[in-house]
Amino acid sequence: MRVPHLVGLMAVDARARAQAQGLLLAAPDRPDFHLTVVDYVARQYPQPGAEVPRESLVYVWFDLGEGEGGGGVREPRVPRPPRGGMRRELDRPGDAFEAING
């Protein structure tokens, strides 16, 4: 049987899909996995589509792990983009209805 795609599913849905396929789920980062409902699966192993025997264990993680993911890029970025290139002058801000009425 093939491992279903579980990433992006809520915990309750991931458990249901795995059970329907005859697979068992384990979550190393959640000792209370059986109570987890609305957290979303961030990673899984084996990968979706892998061929495994019935009642195999599929691992799922809800956190991306150390150094993965996070809050994104913080501004200002260093180094700054190079100067130069074409620039265009923006219109001065004005009345939002001026273009419609005028």
Protein backbone atom coordinates (compact mmCIF):
# COMPACT_ATOMS: atom_id res chain seq x y z
CA MET A 1 0.00 0.00 0.00
CA ARG A 2 1.07 3.60 -0.55
CA VAL A 3 1.51 6.25 2.15
CA PRO A 4 -1.10 9.01 1.76
CA HIS A 5 -0.21 12.71 1.68
CA LEU A 6 -0.77 13.98 5.23
CA VAL A 7 1.09 17.33 5.25
CA GLY A 8 -1.36 20.20 5.65
CA LEU A 9 -4.08 18.08 7.24
CA MET A 10 -5.36 18.67 10.75
CA ALA A 11 -4.30 15.99 13.23
CA VAL A 12 -7.78 14.49 13.43
CA ASP A 13 -8.01 14.23 9.63
CA ALA A 14 -4.50 12.78 9.32
CA ARG A 15 -5.37 10.05 11.84
CA ALA A 16 -8.59 9.24 9.97
CA ARG A 17 -6.87 9.07 6.57
CA ALA A 18 -4.05 6.87 7.90
CA GLN A 19 -6.51 4.57 9.65
CA ALA A 20 -8.58 4.26 6.46
CA GLN A 21 -5.39 3.13 4.67
CA GLY A 22 -4.55 0.63 7.42
CA LEU A 23 -1.58 2.63 8.72
CA LEU A 24 -0.58 3.76 12.21
CA LEU A 25 0.53 7.30 13.07
CA ALA A 26 3.10 8.47 15.60
CA ALA A 27 4.07 12.05 16.46
CA PRO A 28 7.51 12.28 18.10
CA ASP A 29 6.98 15.97 18.97
CA ARG A 30 3.57 15.37 20.58
CA PRO A 31 3.31 12.92 23.48
CA ASP A 32 -0.41 13.78 23.65
CA PHE A 33 -0.95 13.03 19.94
CA HIS A 34 -4.18 11.11 20.58
CA LEU A 35 -5.67 14.37 21.99
CA THR A 36 -4.32 16.66 19.25
CA VAL A 37 -7.14 17.84 16.99
CA VAL A 38 -6.66 21.12 15.14
CA ASP A 39 -2.87 21.33 14.74
CA TYR A 40 -1.65 20.88 11.16
CA VAL A 41 0.88 18.29 10.00
CA ALA A 42 4.10 20.03 8.87
CA ARG A 43 6.21 16.98 7.92
CA GLN A 44 5.81 13.25 7.49
CA TYR A 45 7.97 10.15 7.06
CA PRO A 46 7.86 8.06 4.93
CA GLN A 47 7.09 10.47 2.11
CA PRO A 48 3.70 10.37 0.35
CA GLY A 49 3.51 7.64 -2.25
CA ALA A 50 6.10 5.39 -0.59
CA GLU A 51 5.22 1.70 -0.71
CA VAL A 52 4.84 0.22 2.80
CA PRO A 53 3.27 -2.91 4.33
CA ARG A 54 -0.16 -2.69 5.99
CA GLU A 55 -0.09 -1.48 9.64
CA SER A 56 3.22 0.35 9.07
CA LEU A 57 4.07 3.29 11.27
CA VAL A 58 4.02 6.74 9.66
CA TYR A 59 5.66 9.58 11.60
CA VAL A 60 4.15 13.07 11.51
CA TRP A 61 5.46 16.32 12.98
CA PHE A 62 3.50 19.44 13.74
CA ASP A 63 6.44 21.79 14.23
CA LEU A 64 8.91 22.43 11.42
CA GLY A 65 11.85 21.83 13.72
CA GLU A 66 14.96 23.74 14.73
CA GLY A 67 16.04 26.24 12.09
CA GLU A 68 13.13 25.54 9.74
CA GLY A 69 10.27 27.93 9.16
CA GLY A 70 9.88 30.80 11.54
CA GLY A 71 8.71 34.35 11.23
CA GLY A 72 10.22 35.16 7.86
CA VAL A 73 12.60 37.92 6.80
CA ARG A 74 12.95 40.94 9.01
CA GLU A 75 13.49 44.37 7.44
CA PRO A 76 15.80 46.08 6.67
CA ARG A 77 17.62 43.51 4.58
CA VAL A 78 21.38 43.69 4.54
CA PRO A 79 23.02 44.21 2.12
CA ARG A 80 20.59 46.52 0.38
CA PRO A 81 19.78 45.99 -3.31
CA PRO A 82 22.16 47.80 -5.69
CA ARG A 83 21.33 51.37 -6.69
CA GLY A 84 20.61 52.31 -10.26
CA GLY A 85 18.24 51.16 -12.90
CA MET A 86 15.12 52.86 -14.06
CA ARG A 87 12.95 54.61 -11.54
CA ARG A 88 9.60 56.20 -12.03
CA GLU A 89 8.09 59.04 -10.15
CA LEU A 90 4.84 58.24 -8.40
CA ASP A 91 1.86 60.58 -8.56
CA ARG A 92 1.24 62.69 -5.51
CA PRO A 93 -1.47 61.28 -3.27
CA GLY A 94 -4.76 63.08 -3.60
CA ASP A 95 -8.46 62.64 -3.25
CA ALA A 96 -9.42 59.03 -3.99
CA PHE A 97 -12.57 60.18 -5.83
CA GLU A 98 -10.82 62.86 -7.94
CA ALA A 99 -10.25 60.52 -10.90
CA ILE A 100 -13.88 59.32 -10.82
CA ASN A 101 -15.51 62.76 -10.54
CA GLY A 102 -13.07 64.66 -12.73
